PDB file of N, CA and C in Angstrom:
ATOM      1  N   MET A   1      50.514 -85.958 -68.261  1.00  0.00           N
ATOM      2  CA  MET A   1      51.465 -85.187 -69.029  1.00  0.00           C
ATOM      3  C   MET A   1      51.475 -83.742 -68.506  1.00  0.00           C
ATOM      4  N   PRO A   2      52.663 -83.203 -68.199  1.00  0.00           N
ATOM      5  CA  PRO A   2      52.720 -81.839 -67.676  1.00  0.00           C
ATOM      6  C   PRO A   2      52.303 -80.828 -68.747  1.00  0.00           C
ATOM      7  N   SER A   3      51.658 -79.781 -68.297  1.00  0.00           N
ATOM      8  CA  SER A   3      51.228 -78.748 -69.245  1.00  0.00           C
ATOM      9  C   SER A   3      52.419 -77.865 -69.608  1.00  0.00           C
ATOM     10  N   ALA A   4      52.399 -77.421 -70.836  1.00  0.00           N
ATOM     11  CA  ALA A   4      53.471 -76.526 -71.300  1.00  0.00           C
ATOM     12  C   ALA A   4      53.201 -75.127 -70.756  1.00  0.00           C
ATOM     13  N   ARG A   5      54.195 -74.567 -70.124  1.00  0.00           N
ATOM     14  CA  ARG A   5      54.044 -73.221 -69.582  1.00  0.00           C
ATOM     15  C   ARG A   5      54.723 -72.218 -70.489  1.00  0.00           C
ATOM     16  N   ARG A   6      54.117 -71.087 -70.544  1.00  0.00           N
ATOM     17  CA  ARG A   6      54.738 -69.988 -71.293  1.00  0.00           C
ATOM     18  C   ARG A   6      55.861 -69.395 -70.461  1.00  0.00           C
ATOM     19  N   PRO A   7      56.904 -68.952 -71.116  1.00  0.00           N
ATOM     20  CA  PRO A   7      57.980 -68.313 -70.345  1.00  0.00           C
ATOM     21  C   PRO A   7      57.469 -67.027 -69.700  1.00  0.00           C
ATOM     22  N   ARG A   8      58.031 -66.741 -68.554  1.00  0.00           N
ATOM     23  CA  ARG A   8      57.651 -65.526 -67.836  1.00  0.00           C
ATOM     24  C   ARG A   8      58.162 -64.302 -68.583  1.00  0.00           C
ATOM     25  N   ARG A   9      57.317 -63.292 -68.690  1.00  0.00           N
ATOM     26  CA  ARG A   9      57.688 -62.079 -69.423  1.00  0.00           C
ATOM     27  C   ARG A   9      57.999 -60.970 -68.435  1.00  0.00           C
ATOM     28  N   ASP A  10      59.274 -60.674 -68.280  1.00  0.00           N
ATOM     29  CA  ASP A  10      59.704 -59.599 -67.391  1.00  0.00           C
ATOM     30  C   ASP A  10      60.239 -58.401 -68.170  1.00  0.00           C
ATOM     31  N   ALA A  11      59.871 -58.308 -69.423  1.00  0.00           N
ATOM     32  CA  ALA A  11      60.365 -57.205 -70.251  1.00  0.00           C
ATOM     33  C   ALA A  11      59.877 -55.858 -69.733  1.00  0.00           C
ATOM     34  N   HIS A  12      58.679 -55.842 -69.160  1.00  0.00           N
ATOM     35  CA  HIS A  12      58.111 -54.602 -68.638  1.00  0.00           C
ATOM     36  C   HIS A  12      57.951 -54.737 -67.133  1.00  0.00           C
ATOM     37  N   PRO A  13      58.750 -54.018 -66.362  1.00  0.00           N
ATOM     38  CA  PRO A  13      58.609 -54.103 -64.917  1.00  0.00           C
ATOM     39  C   PRO A  13      57.250 -53.563 -64.480  1.00  0.00           C
ATOM     40  N   ALA A  14      56.850 -53.941 -63.305  1.00  0.00           N
ATOM     41  CA  ALA A  14      55.579 -53.447 -62.771  1.00  0.00           C
ATOM     42  C   ALA A  14      55.633 -51.921 -62.701  1.00  0.00           C
ATOM     43  N   PRO A  15      54.553 -51.262 -63.096  1.00  0.00           N
ATOM     44  CA  PRO A  15      54.570 -49.792 -63.071  1.00  0.00           C
ATOM     45  C   PRO A  15      54.653 -49.264 -61.639  1.00  0.00           C
ATOM     46  N   GLU A  16      55.311 -48.124 -61.513  1.00  0.00           N
ATOM     47  CA  GLU A  16      55.393 -47.469 -60.206  1.00  0.00           C
ATOM     48  C   GLU A  16      54.043 -46.814 -59.904  1.00  0.00           C
ATOM     49  N   PRO A  17      53.700 -46.700 -58.639  1.00  0.00           N
ATOM     50  CA  PRO A  17      52.449 -46.014 -58.296  1.00  0.00           C
ATOM     51  C   PRO A  17      52.507 -44.553 -58.754  1.00  0.00           C
ATOM     52  N   LEU A  18      51.445 -44.086 -59.390  1.00  0.00           N
ATOM     53  CA  LEU A  18      51.441 -42.711 -59.915  1.00  0.00           C
ATOM     54  C   LEU A  18      51.664 -41.641 -58.843  1.00  0.00           C
ATOM     55  N   PRO A  19      51.158 -41.803 -57.617  1.00  0.00           N
ATOM     56  CA  PRO A  19      51.467 -40.769 -56.613  1.00  0.00           C
ATOM     57  C   PRO A  19      52.976 -40.619 -56.367  1.00  0.00           C
ATOM     58  N   LYS A  20      53.709 -41.720 -56.417  1.00  0.00           N
ATOM     59  CA  LYS A  20      55.167 -41.666 -56.244  1.00  0.00           C
ATOM     60  C   LYS A  20      55.819 -40.955 -57.435  1.00  0.00           C
ATOM     61  N   VAL A  21      55.334 -41.241 -58.643  1.00  0.00           N
ATOM     62  CA  VAL A  21      55.858 -40.596 -59.854  1.00  0.00           C
ATOM     63  C   VAL A  21      55.520 -39.112 -59.818  1.00  0.00           C
ATOM     64  N   ARG A  22      54.285 -38.777 -59.417  1.00  0.00           N
ATOM     65  CA  ARG A  22      53.871 -37.373 -59.333  1.00  0.00           C
ATOM     66  C   ARG A  22      54.737 -36.605 -58.336  1.00  0.00           C
ATOM     67  N   ALA A  23      55.041 -37.201 -57.202  1.00  0.00           N
ATOM     68  CA  ALA A  23      55.882 -36.532 -56.206  1.00  0.00           C
ATOM     69  C   ALA A  23      57.274 -36.251 -56.775  1.00  0.00           C
ATOM     70  N   ALA A  24      57.827 -37.207 -57.500  1.00  0.00           N
ATOM     71  CA  ALA A  24      59.152 -37.009 -58.100  1.00  0.00           C
ATOM     72  C   ALA A  24      59.104 -35.921 -59.167  1.00  0.00           C
ATOM     73  N   LEU A  25      58.078 -35.948 -60.013  1.00  0.00           N
ATOM     74  CA  LEU A  25      57.948 -34.932 -61.064  1.00  0.00           C
ATOM     75  C   LEU A  25      57.710 -33.556 -60.453  1.00  0.00           C
ATOM     76  N   GLN A  26      56.861 -33.496 -59.438  1.00  0.00           N
ATOM     77  CA  GLN A  26      56.570 -32.215 -58.788  1.00  0.00           C
ATOM     78  C   GLN A  26      57.829 -31.633 -58.149  1.00  0.00           C
ATOM     79  N   ALA A  27      58.670 -32.488 -57.585  1.00  0.00           N
ATOM     80  CA  ALA A  27      59.922 -32.013 -56.982  1.00  0.00           C
ATOM     81  C   ALA A  27      60.837 -31.398 -58.033  1.00  0.00           C
ATOM     82  N   VAL A  28      60.936 -32.028 -59.186  1.00  0.00           N
ATOM     83  CA  VAL A  28      61.780 -31.495 -60.271  1.00  0.00           C
ATOM     84  C   VAL A  28      61.203 -30.184 -60.785  1.00  0.00           C
ATOM     85  N   VAL A  29      59.896 -30.158 -61.027  1.00  0.00           N
ATOM     86  CA  VAL A  29      59.252 -28.946 -61.544  1.00  0.00           C
ATOM     87  C   VAL A  29      59.410 -27.798 -60.546  1.00  0.00           C
ATOM     88  N   THR A  30      59.213 -28.077 -59.268  1.00  0.00           N
ATOM     89  CA  THR A  30      59.353 -27.033 -58.246  1.00  0.00           C
ATOM     90  C   THR A  30      60.785 -26.507 -58.206  1.00  0.00           C
ATOM     91  N   ARG A  31      61.753 -27.406 -58.262  1.00  0.00           N
ATOM     92  CA  ARG A  31      63.166 -26.999 -58.236  1.00  0.00           C
ATOM     93  C   ARG A  31      63.520 -26.135 -59.445  1.00  0.00           C
ATOM     94  N   GLU A  32      63.024 -26.496 -60.612  1.00  0.00           N
ATOM     95  CA  GLU A  32      63.393 -25.793 -61.847  1.00  0.00           C
ATOM     96  C   GLU A  32      62.546 -24.555 -62.120  1.00  0.00           C
ATOM     97  N   SER A  33      61.423 -24.407 -61.427  1.00  0.00           N
ATOM     98  CA  SER A  33      60.455 -23.357 -61.764  1.00  0.00           C
ATOM     99  C   SER A  33      60.606 -22.072 -60.961  1.00  0.00           C
ATOM    100  N   ARG A  34      61.776 -21.801 -60.492  1.00  0.00           N
ATOM    101  CA  ARG A  34      61.970 -20.550 -59.746  1.00  0.00           C
ATOM    102  C   ARG A  34      61.609 -19.368 -60.640  1.00  0.00           C
ATOM    103  N   GLY A  35      60.853 -18.451 -60.076  1.00  0.00           N
ATOM    104  CA  GLY A  35      60.451 -17.273 -60.843  1.00  0.00           C
ATOM    105  C   GLY A  35      59.107 -17.426 -61.524  1.00  0.00           C
ATOM    106  N   LEU A  36      58.562 -18.632 -61.573  1.00  0.00           N
ATOM    107  CA  LEU A  36      57.234 -18.833 -62.155  1.00  0.00           C
ATOM    108  C   LEU A  36      56.210 -18.875 -61.035  1.00  0.00           C
ATOM    109  N   ARG A  37      54.977 -18.607 -61.393  1.00  0.00           N
ATOM    110  CA  ARG A  37      53.890 -18.732 -60.432  1.00  0.00           C
ATOM    111  C   ARG A  37      52.856 -19.698 -60.997  1.00  0.00           C
ATOM    112  N   VAL A  38      51.944 -20.117 -60.182  1.00  0.00           N
ATOM    113  CA  VAL A  38      50.923 -21.084 -60.603  1.00  0.00           C
ATOM    114  C   VAL A  38      49.601 -20.359 -60.753  1.00  0.00           C
ATOM    115  N   LYS A  39      48.931 -20.614 -61.870  1.00  0.00           N
ATOM    116  CA  LYS A  39      47.618 -20.016 -62.135  1.00  0.00           C
ATOM    117  C   LYS A  39      46.690 -21.096 -62.674  1.00  0.00           C
ATOM    118  N   ARG A  40      45.469 -21.131 -62.171  1.00  0.00           N
ATOM    119  CA  ARG A  40      44.465 -22.096 -62.626  1.00  0.00           C
ATOM    120  C   ARG A  40      43.888 -21.623 -63.954  1.00  0.00           C
ATOM    121  N   LYS A  41      43.978 -22.472 -64.958  1.00  0.00           N
ATOM    122  CA  LYS A  41      43.477 -22.143 -66.297  1.00  0.00           C
ATOM    123  C   LYS A  41      42.959 -23.435 -66.913  1.00  0.00           C
ATOM    124  N   TRP A  42      41.765 -23.417 -67.445  1.00  0.00           N
ATOM    125  CA  TRP A  42      41.154 -24.596 -68.074  1.00  0.00           C
ATOM    126  C   TRP A  42      41.129 -25.792 -67.130  1.00  0.00           C
ATOM    127  N   ALA A  43      40.785 -25.551 -65.872  1.00  0.00           N
ATOM    128  CA  ALA A  43      40.634 -26.584 -64.841  1.00  0.00           C
ATOM    129  C   ALA A  43      41.934 -27.302 -64.494  1.00  0.00           C
ATOM    130  N   THR A  44      43.070 -26.686 -64.745  1.00  0.00           N
ATOM    131  CA  THR A  44      44.352 -27.262 -64.346  1.00  0.00           C
ATOM    132  C   THR A  44      45.292 -26.143 -63.925  1.00  0.00           C
ATOM    133  N   ASP A  45      46.281 -26.501 -63.128  1.00  0.00           N
ATOM    134  CA  ASP A  45      47.264 -25.519 -62.662  1.00  0.00           C
ATOM    135  C   ASP A  45      48.392 -25.399 -63.672  1.00  0.00           C
ATOM    136  N   TRP A  46      48.578 -24.184 -64.195  1.00  0.00           N
ATOM    137  CA  TRP A  46      49.649 -23.888 -65.141  1.00  0.00           C
ATOM    138  C   TRP A  46      50.746 -23.112 -64.446  1.00  0.00           C
ATOM    139  N   TYR A  47      51.975 -23.416 -64.787  1.00  0.00           N
ATOM    140  CA  TYR A  47      53.106 -22.603 -64.358  1.00  0.00           C
ATOM    141  C   TYR A  47      53.229 -21.491 -65.383  1.00  0.00           C
ATOM    142  N   ILE A  48      53.254 -20.252 -64.891  1.00  0.00           N
ATOM    143  CA  ILE A  48      53.278 -19.117 -65.810  1.00  0.00           C
ATOM    144  C   ILE A  48      54.407 -18.166 -65.451  1.00  0.00           C
ATOM    145  N   GLY A  49      54.912 -17.512 -66.486  1.00  0.00           N
ATOM    146  CA  GLY A  49      55.890 -16.443 -66.359  1.00  0.00           C
ATOM    147  C   GLY A  49      55.283 -15.252 -67.074  1.00  0.00           C
ATOM    148  N   HIS A  50      55.777 -14.969 -68.282  1.00  0.00           N
ATOM    149  CA  HIS A  50      55.155 -13.942 -69.118  1.00  0.00           C
ATOM    150  C   HIS A  50      53.884 -14.495 -69.754  1.00  0.00           C
ATOM    151  N   ASP A  51      53.842 -15.799 -69.966  1.00  0.00           N
ATOM    152  CA  ASP A  51      52.697 -16.482 -70.572  1.00  0.00           C
ATOM    153  C   ASP A  51      52.623 -17.874 -69.941  1.00  0.00           C
ATOM    154  N   LEU A  52      51.724 -18.702 -70.404  1.00  0.00           N
ATOM    155  CA  LEU A  52      51.643 -20.081 -69.931  1.00  0.00           C
ATOM    156  C   LEU A  52      52.909 -20.820 -70.346  1.00  0.00           C
ATOM    157  N   VAL A  53      53.494 -21.585 -69.438  1.00  0.00           N
ATOM    158  CA  VAL A  53      54.733 -22.296 -69.737  1.00  0.00           C
ATOM    159  C   VAL A  53      54.472 -23.800 -69.792  1.00  0.00           C
ATOM    160  N   TYR A  54      54.010 -24.403 -68.696  1.00  0.00           N
ATOM    161  CA  TYR A  54      53.717 -25.841 -68.697  1.00  0.00           C
ATOM    162  C   TYR A  54      52.757 -26.201 -67.575  1.00  0.00           C
ATOM    163  N   THR A  55      52.207 -27.418 -67.687  1.00  0.00           N
ATOM    164  CA  THR A  55      51.294 -27.963 -66.687  1.00  0.00           C
ATOM    165  C   THR A  55      51.526 -29.464 -66.585  1.00  0.00           C
ATOM    166  N   ILE A  56      51.068 -30.046 -65.496  1.00  0.00           N
ATOM    167  CA  ILE A  56      51.143 -31.492 -65.303  1.00  0.00           C
ATOM    168  C   ILE A  56      49.725 -32.042 -65.360  1.00  0.00           C
ATOM    169  N   LEU A  57      49.510 -33.011 -66.224  1.00  0.00           N
ATOM    170  CA  LEU A  57      48.215 -33.677 -66.327  1.00  0.00           C
ATOM    171  C   LEU A  57      48.371 -35.140 -65.945  1.00  0.00           C
ATOM    172  N   GLY A  58      47.357 -35.688 -65.290  1.00  0.00           N
ATOM    173  CA  GLY A  58      47.398 -37.080 -64.878  1.00  0.00           C
ATOM    174  C   GLY A  58      46.499 -37.948 -65.733  1.00  0.00           C
ATOM    175  N   TYR A  59      46.991 -39.106 -66.089  1.00  0.00           N
ATOM    176  CA  TYR A  59      46.229 -40.105 -66.839  1.00  0.00           C
ATOM    177  C   TYR A  59      46.260 -41.413 -66.056  1.00  0.00           C
ATOM    178  N   SER A  60      45.619 -42.446 -66.542  1.00  0.00           N
ATOM    179  CA  SER A  60      45.523 -43.685 -65.773  1.00  0.00           C
ATOM    180  C   SER A  60      46.858 -44.407 -65.621  1.00  0.00           C
ATOM    181  N   ARG A  61      47.766 -44.291 -66.586  1.00  0.00           N
ATOM    182  CA  ARG A  61      49.025 -45.031 -66.527  1.00  0.00           C
ATOM    183  C   ARG A  61      50.275 -44.160 -66.607  1.00  0.00           C
ATOM    184  N   HIS A  62      50.098 -42.850 -66.729  1.00  0.00           N
ATOM    185  CA  HIS A  62      51.258 -41.959 -66.802  1.00  0.00           C
ATOM    186  C   HIS A  62      50.850 -40.539 -66.457  1.00  0.00           C
ATOM    187  N   LEU A  63      51.841 -39.702 -66.288  1.00  0.00           N
ATOM    188  CA  LEU A  63      51.637 -38.266 -66.161  1.00  0.00           C
ATOM    189  C   LEU A  63      52.139 -37.632 -67.438  1.00  0.00           C
ATOM    190  N   SER A  64      51.653 -36.458 -67.722  1.00  0.00           N
ATOM    191  CA  SER A  64      52.082 -35.757 -68.917  1.00  0.00           C
ATOM    192  C   SER A  64      52.489 -34.340 -68.526  1.00  0.00           C
ATOM    193  N   LEU A  65      53.716 -33.973 -68.868  1.00  0.00           N
ATOM    194  CA  LEU A  65      54.172 -32.604 -68.673  1.00  0.00           C
ATOM    195  C   LEU A  65      53.960 -31.906 -70.008  1.00  0.00           C
ATOM    196  N   GLU A  66      52.975 -31.001 -70.030  1.00  0.00           N
ATOM    197  CA  GLU A  66      52.545 -30.329 -71.256  1.00  0.00           C
ATOM    198  C   GLU A  66      53.234 -28.975 -71.370  1.00  0.00           C
ATOM    199  N   PHE A  67      53.967 -28.773 -72.447  1.00  0.00           N
ATOM    200  CA  PHE A  67      54.659 -27.514 -72.700  1.00  0.00           C
ATOM    201  C   PHE A  67      53.852 -26.680 -73.689  1.00  0.00           C
ATOM    202  N   ARG A  68      53.431 -25.511 -73.259  1.00  0.00           N
ATOM    203  CA  ARG A  68      52.580 -24.636 -74.088  1.00  0.00           C
ATOM    204  C   ARG A  68      53.247 -24.301 -75.432  1.00  0.00           C
ATOM    205  N   ARG A  69      54.534 -24.018 -75.432  1.00  0.00           N
ATOM    206  CA  ARG A  69      55.264 -23.702 -76.663  1.00  0.00           C
ATOM    207  C   ARG A  69      56.309 -24.779 -76.953  1.00  0.00           C
ATOM    208  N   GLY A  70      55.914 -26.008 -76.736  1.00  0.00           N
ATOM    209  CA  GLY A  70      56.823 -27.138 -76.901  1.00  0.00           C
ATOM    210  C   GLY A  70      57.364 -27.313 -78.301  1.00  0.00           C
ATOM    211  N   ALA A  71      56.603 -26.894 -79.309  1.00  0.00           N
ATOM    212  CA  ALA A  71      57.058 -27.031 -80.698  1.00  0.00           C
ATOM    213  C   ALA A  71      58.284 -26.160 -80.966  1.00  0.00           C
ATOM    214  N   SER A  72      58.512 -25.162 -80.128  1.00  0.00           N
ATOM    215  CA  SER A  72      59.654 -24.259 -80.308  1.00  0.00           C
ATOM    216  C   SER A  72      60.853 -24.622 -79.440  1.00  0.00           C
ATOM    217  N   LEU A  73      60.755 -25.709 -78.676  1.00  0.00           N
ATOM    218  CA  LEU A  73      61.841 -26.070 -77.762  1.00  0.00           C
ATOM    219  C   LEU A  73      62.863 -26.985 -78.432  1.00  0.00           C
ATOM    220  N   PRO A  74      64.136 -26.824 -78.087  1.00  0.00           N
ATOM    221  CA  PRO A  74      65.142 -27.770 -78.576  1.00  0.00           C
ATOM    222  C   PRO A  74      64.959 -29.097 -77.838  1.00  0.00           C
ATOM    223  N   ASP A  75      65.019 -30.196 -78.557  1.00  0.00           N
ATOM    224  CA  ASP A  75      64.786 -31.515 -77.954  1.00  0.00           C
ATOM    225  C   ASP A  75      65.782 -32.531 -78.503  1.00  0.00           C
ATOM    226  N   PRO A  76      67.069 -32.380 -78.179  1.00  0.00           N
ATOM    227  CA  PRO A  76      68.062 -33.322 -78.718  1.00  0.00           C
ATOM    228  C   PRO A  76      67.838 -34.754 -78.248  1.00  0.00           C
ATOM    229  N   ALA A  77      67.216 -34.949 -77.078  1.00  0.00           N
ATOM    230  CA  ALA A  77      66.961 -36.306 -76.572  1.00  0.00           C
ATOM    231  C   ALA A  77      65.746 -36.947 -77.223  1.00  0.00           C
ATOM    232  N   GLY A  78      64.927 -36.154 -77.929  1.00  0.00           N
ATOM    233  CA  GLY A  78      63.760 -36.689 -78.619  1.00  0.00           C
ATOM    234  C   GLY A  78      62.660 -37.186 -77.701  1.00  0.00           C
ATOM    235  N   ILE A  79      62.455 -36.522 -76.554  1.00  0.00           N
ATOM    236  CA  ILE A  79      61.436 -36.994 -75.618  1.00  0.00           C
ATOM    237  C   ILE A  79      60.090 -36.282 -75.764  1.00  0.00           C
ATOM    238  N   LEU A  80      60.059 -35.178 -76.508  1.00  0.00           N
ATOM    239  CA  LEU A  80      58.798 -34.477 -76.726  1.00  0.00           C
ATOM    240  C   LEU A  80      57.924 -35.254 -77.705  1.00  0.00           C
ATOM    241  N   GLU A  81      56.627 -35.284 -77.423  1.00  0.00           N
ATOM    242  CA  GLU A  81      55.666 -35.930 -78.302  1.00  0.00           C
ATOM    243  C   GLU A  81      54.580 -34.939 -78.674  1.00  0.00           C
ATOM    244  N   GLY A  82      53.878 -35.232 -79.749  1.00  0.00           N
ATOM    245  CA  GLY A  82      52.748 -34.413 -80.164  1.00  0.00           C
ATOM    246  C   GLY A  82      52.972 -33.785 -81.519  1.00  0.00           C
ATOM    247  N   THR A  83      51.873 -33.377 -82.131  1.00  0.00           N
ATOM    248  CA  THR A  83      51.937 -32.806 -83.482  1.00  0.00           C
ATOM    249  C   THR A  83      51.185 -31.490 -83.587  1.00  0.00           C
ATOM    250  N   GLY A  84      50.777 -30.928 -82.452  1.00  0.00           N
ATOM    251  CA  GLY A  84      50.033 -29.678 -82.473  1.00  0.00           C
ATOM    252  C   GLY A  84      50.876 -28.519 -82.964  1.00  0.00           C
ATOM    253  N   LYS A  85      50.210 -27.424 -83.270  1.00  0.00           N
ATOM    254  CA  LYS A  85      50.906 -26.244 -83.773  1.00  0.00           C
ATOM    255  C   LYS A  85      51.887 -25.691 -82.730  1.00  0.00           C
ATOM    256  N   PHE A  86      51.519 -25.731 -81.449  1.00  0.00           N
ATOM    257  CA  PHE A  86      52.371 -25.203 -80.384  1.00  0.00           C
ATOM    258  C   PHE A  86      52.681 -26.232 -79.307  1.00  0.00           C
ATOM    259  N   LEU A  87      51.658 -26.907 -78.805  1.00  0.00           N
ATOM    260  CA  LEU A  87      51.775 -27.776 -77.640  1.00  0.00           C
ATOM    261  C   LEU A  87      52.533 -29.061 -77.933  1.00  0.00           C
ATOM    262  N   ARG A  88      53.414 -29.437 -76.999  1.00  0.00           N
ATOM    263  CA  ARG A  88      54.096 -30.731 -77.010  1.00  0.00           C
ATOM    264  C   ARG A  88      54.090 -31.250 -75.575  1.00  0.00           C
ATOM    265  N   HIS A  89      54.244 -32.552 -75.397  1.00  0.00           N
ATOM    266  CA  HIS A  89      54.221 -33.125 -74.064  1.00  0.00           C
ATOM    267  C   HIS A  89      55.280 -34.212 -73.913  1.00  0.00           C
ATOM    268  N   VAL A  90      55.591 -34.504 -72.666  1.00  0.00           N
ATOM    269  CA  VAL A  90      56.490 -35.600 -72.323  1.00  0.00           C
ATOM    270  C   VAL A  90      55.709 -36.530 -71.411  1.00  0.00           C
ATOM    271  N   LYS A  91      55.638 -37.811 -71.765  1.00  0.00           N
ATOM    272  CA  LYS A  91      54.985 -38.798 -70.912  1.00  0.00           C
ATOM    273  C   LYS A  91      55.970 -39.227 -69.835  1.00  0.00           C
ATOM    274  N   VAL A  92      55.514 -39.161 -68.597  1.00  0.00           N
ATOM    275  CA  VAL A  92      56.346 -39.512 -67.445  1.00  0.00           C
ATOM    276  C   VAL A  92      55.701 -40.719 -66.774  1.00  0.00           C
ATOM    277  N   ARG A  93      56.389 -41.862 -66.860  1.00  0.00           N
ATOM    278  CA  ARG A  93      55.832 -43.112 -66.344  1.00  0.00           C
ATOM    279  C   ARG A  93      56.530 -43.624 -65.089  1.00  0.00           C
ATOM    280  N   SER A  94      57.673 -43.039 -64.750  1.00  0.00           N
ATOM    281  CA  SER A  94      58.448 -43.532 -63.611  1.00  0.00           C
ATOM    282  C   SER A  94      59.198 -42.382 -62.956  1.00  0.00           C
ATOM    283  N   THR A  95      59.716 -42.664 -61.774  1.00  0.00           N
ATOM    284  CA  THR A  95      60.521 -41.643 -61.099  1.00  0.00           C
ATOM    285  C   THR A  95      61.801 -41.375 -61.891  1.00  0.00           C
ATOM    286  N   ALA A  96      62.308 -42.398 -62.568  1.00  0.00           N
ATOM    287  CA  ALA A  96      63.500 -42.196 -63.404  1.00  0.00           C
ATOM    288  C   ALA A  96      63.190 -41.242 -64.553  1.00  0.00           C
ATOM    289  N   ASP A  97      62.010 -41.379 -65.166  1.00  0.00           N
ATOM    290  CA  ASP A  97      61.601 -40.444 -66.223  1.00  0.00           C
ATOM    291  C   ASP A  97      61.526 -39.024 -65.668  1.00  0.00           C
ATOM    292  N   ALA A  98      60.951 -38.894 -64.469  1.00  0.00           N
ATOM    293  CA  ALA A  98      60.777 -37.570 -63.857  1.00  0.00           C
ATOM    294  C   ALA A  98      62.116 -36.913 -63.556  1.00  0.00           C
ATOM    295  N   ARG A  99      63.101 -37.719 -63.187  1.00  0.00           N
ATOM    296  CA  ARG A  99      64.410 -37.178 -62.786  1.00  0.00           C
ATOM    297  C   ARG A  99      65.417 -37.121 -63.932  1.00  0.00           C
ATOM    298  N   ALA A 100      64.985 -37.437 -65.130  1.00  0.00           N
ATOM    299  CA  ALA A 100      65.900 -37.459 -66.274  1.00  0.00           C
ATOM    300  C   ALA A 100      66.457 -36.060 -66.548  1.00  0.00           C
ATOM    301  N   PRO A 101      67.764 -35.950 -66.763  1.00  0.00           N
ATOM    302  CA  PRO A 101      68.362 -34.644 -67.070  1.00  0.00           C
ATOM    303  C   PRO A 101      67.748 -33.991 -68.308  1.00  0.00           C
ATOM    304  N   ALA A 102      67.345 -34.783 -69.293  1.00  0.00           N
ATOM    305  CA  ALA A 102      66.749 -34.213 -70.506  1.00  0.00           C
ATOM    306  C   ALA A 102      65.444 -33.485 -70.189  1.00  0.00           C
ATOM    307  N   LEU A 103      64.682 -33.983 -69.231  1.00  0.00           N
ATOM    308  CA  LEU A 103      63.434 -33.329 -68.848  1.00  0.00           C
ATOM    309  C   LEU A 103      63.726 -32.003 -68.149  1.00  0.00           C
ATOM    310  N   ALA A 104      64.700 -31.990 -67.257  1.00  0.00           N
ATOM    311  CA  ALA A 104      65.078 -30.741 -66.580  1.00  0.00           C
ATOM    312  C   ALA A 104      65.564 -29.703 -67.593  1.00  0.00           C
ATOM    313  N   ARG A 105      66.309 -30.158 -68.609  1.00  0.00           N
ATOM    314  CA  ARG A 105      66.770 -29.219 -69.651  1.00  0.00           C
ATOM    315  C   ARG A 105      65.586 -28.638 -70.421  1.00  0.00           C
ATOM    316  N   LEU A 106      64.572 -29.457 -70.706  1.00  0.00           N
ATOM    317  CA  LEU A 106      63.381 -28.948 -71.399  1.00  0.00           C
ATOM    318  C   LEU A 106      62.659 -27.904 -70.549  1.00  0.00           C
ATOM    319  N   ILE A 107      62.546 -28.165 -69.265  1.00  0.00           N
ATOM    320  CA  ILE A 107      61.889 -27.208 -68.372  1.00  0.00           C
ATOM    321  C   ILE A 107      62.645 -25.882 -68.384  1.00  0.00           C
ATOM    322  N   ARG A 108      63.963 -25.942 -68.260  1.00  0.00           N
ATOM    323  CA  ARG A 108      64.768 -24.703 -68.288  1.00  0.00           C
ATOM    324  C   ARG A 108      64.651 -23.992 -69.638  1.00  0.00           C
ATOM    325  N   ALA A 109      64.619 -24.749 -70.724  1.00  0.00           N
ATOM    326  CA  ALA A 109      64.481 -24.148 -72.060  1.00  0.00           C
ATOM    327  C   ALA A 109      63.114 -23.477 -72.201  1.00  0.00           C
ATOM    328  N   ALA A 110      62.077 -24.098 -71.656  1.00  0.00           N
ATOM    329  CA  ALA A 110      60.729 -23.515 -71.727  1.00  0.00           C
ATOM    330  C   ALA A 110      60.671 -22.200 -70.945  1.00  0.00           C
ATOM    331  N   ILE A 111      61.330 -22.165 -69.799  1.00  0.00           N
ATOM    332  CA  ILE A 111      61.359 -20.936 -69.001  1.00  0.00           C
ATOM    333  C   ILE A 111      62.149 -19.847 -69.727  1.00  0.00           C
ATOM    334  N   ALA A 112      63.271 -20.221 -70.335  1.00  0.00           N
ATOM    335  CA  ALA A 112      64.075 -19.247 -71.087  1.00  0.00           C
ATOM    336  C   ALA A 112      63.297 -18.707 -72.281  1.00  0.00           C
ATOM    337  N   LEU A 113      62.572 -19.572 -72.986  1.00  0.00           N
ATOM    338  CA  LEU A 113      61.755 -19.129 -74.111  1.00  0.00           C
ATOM    339  C   LEU A 113      60.671 -18.176 -73.630  1.00  0.00           C
ATOM    340  N   ASP A 114      60.038 -18.505 -72.521  1.00  0.00           N
ATOM    341  CA  ASP A 114      58.983 -17.648 -71.977  1.00  0.00           C
ATOM    342  C   ASP A 114      59.515 -16.253 -71.652  1.00  0.00           C
ATOM    343  N   ALA A 115      60.740 -16.177 -71.181  1.00  0.00           N
ATOM    344  CA  ALA A 115      61.329 -14.878 -70.812  1.00  0.00           C
ATOM    345  C   ALA A 115      61.501 -13.967 -72.012  1.00  0.00           C
ATOM    346  N   THR A 116      61.515 -14.525 -73.229  1.00  0.00           N
ATOM    347  CA  THR A 116      61.669 -13.711 -74.440  1.00  0.00           C
ATOM    348  C   THR A 116      60.327 -13.186 -74.947  1.00  0.00           C
ATOM    349  N   LEU A 117      59.241 -13.664 -74.388  1.00  0.00           N
ATOM    350  CA  LEU A 117      57.897 -13.265 -74.845  1.00  0.00           C
ATOM    351  C   LEU A 117      57.450 -11.989 -74.138  1.00  0.00           C
ATOM    352  N   PRO A 118      56.550 -11.237 -74.773  1.00  0.00           N
ATOM    353  CA  PRO A 118      56.001 -10.074 -74.077  1.00  0.00           C
ATOM    354  C   PRO A 118      55.119 -10.515 -72.898  1.00  0.00           C
ATOM    355  N   GLU A 119      55.101  -9.714 -71.863  1.00  0.00           N
ATOM    356  CA  GLU A 119      54.286 -10.006 -70.679  1.00  0.00           C
ATOM    357  C   GLU A 119      52.816 -10.003 -71.057  1.00  0.00           C
ATOM    358  N   ARG A 120      52.111 -11.041 -70.663  1.00  0.00           N
ATOM    359  CA  ARG A 120      50.680 -11.152 -70.944  1.00  0.00           C
ATOM    360  C   ARG A 120      49.901 -10.582 -69.754  1.00  0.00           C
ATOM    361  N   ALA A 121      48.860  -9.825 -70.025  1.00  0.00           N
ATOM    362  CA  ALA A 121      48.026  -9.283 -68.974  1.00  0.00           C
ATOM    363  C   ALA A 121      47.083 -10.379 -68.473  1.00  0.00           C
ATOM    364  N   TRP A 122      47.186 -10.727 -67.214  1.00  0.00           N
ATOM    365  CA  TRP A 122      46.324 -11.770 -66.637  1.00  0.00           C
ATOM    366  C   TRP A 122      45.227 -11.114 -65.891  1.00  0.00           C
TER     367      TRP A 122
END
């Protein structure tokens, strides 16, 4: 008697390699981050203007773009996550996530918000 097979589950495509996702995210961040500089803080590289703006953190299955003042950013697409007083993040799992227009808009909004803050002495 033939064994009953479970149907194949293709609901979740195979994850993209994180180095490929990181390269796509880094390209978007570099393109959008004109006028910011990079400073090492808390063992990670932060993009800074007048204050800390955002950083990229790596995890085992995704990257996280962490916005220092993410709680104050407009997010009509609803991609920001987190419940902290200030910090919010976007999980980036694919090159499509990295290249999403909503993510680029958040980056630009974070830079615009930073420009309204007083210059921090580093």
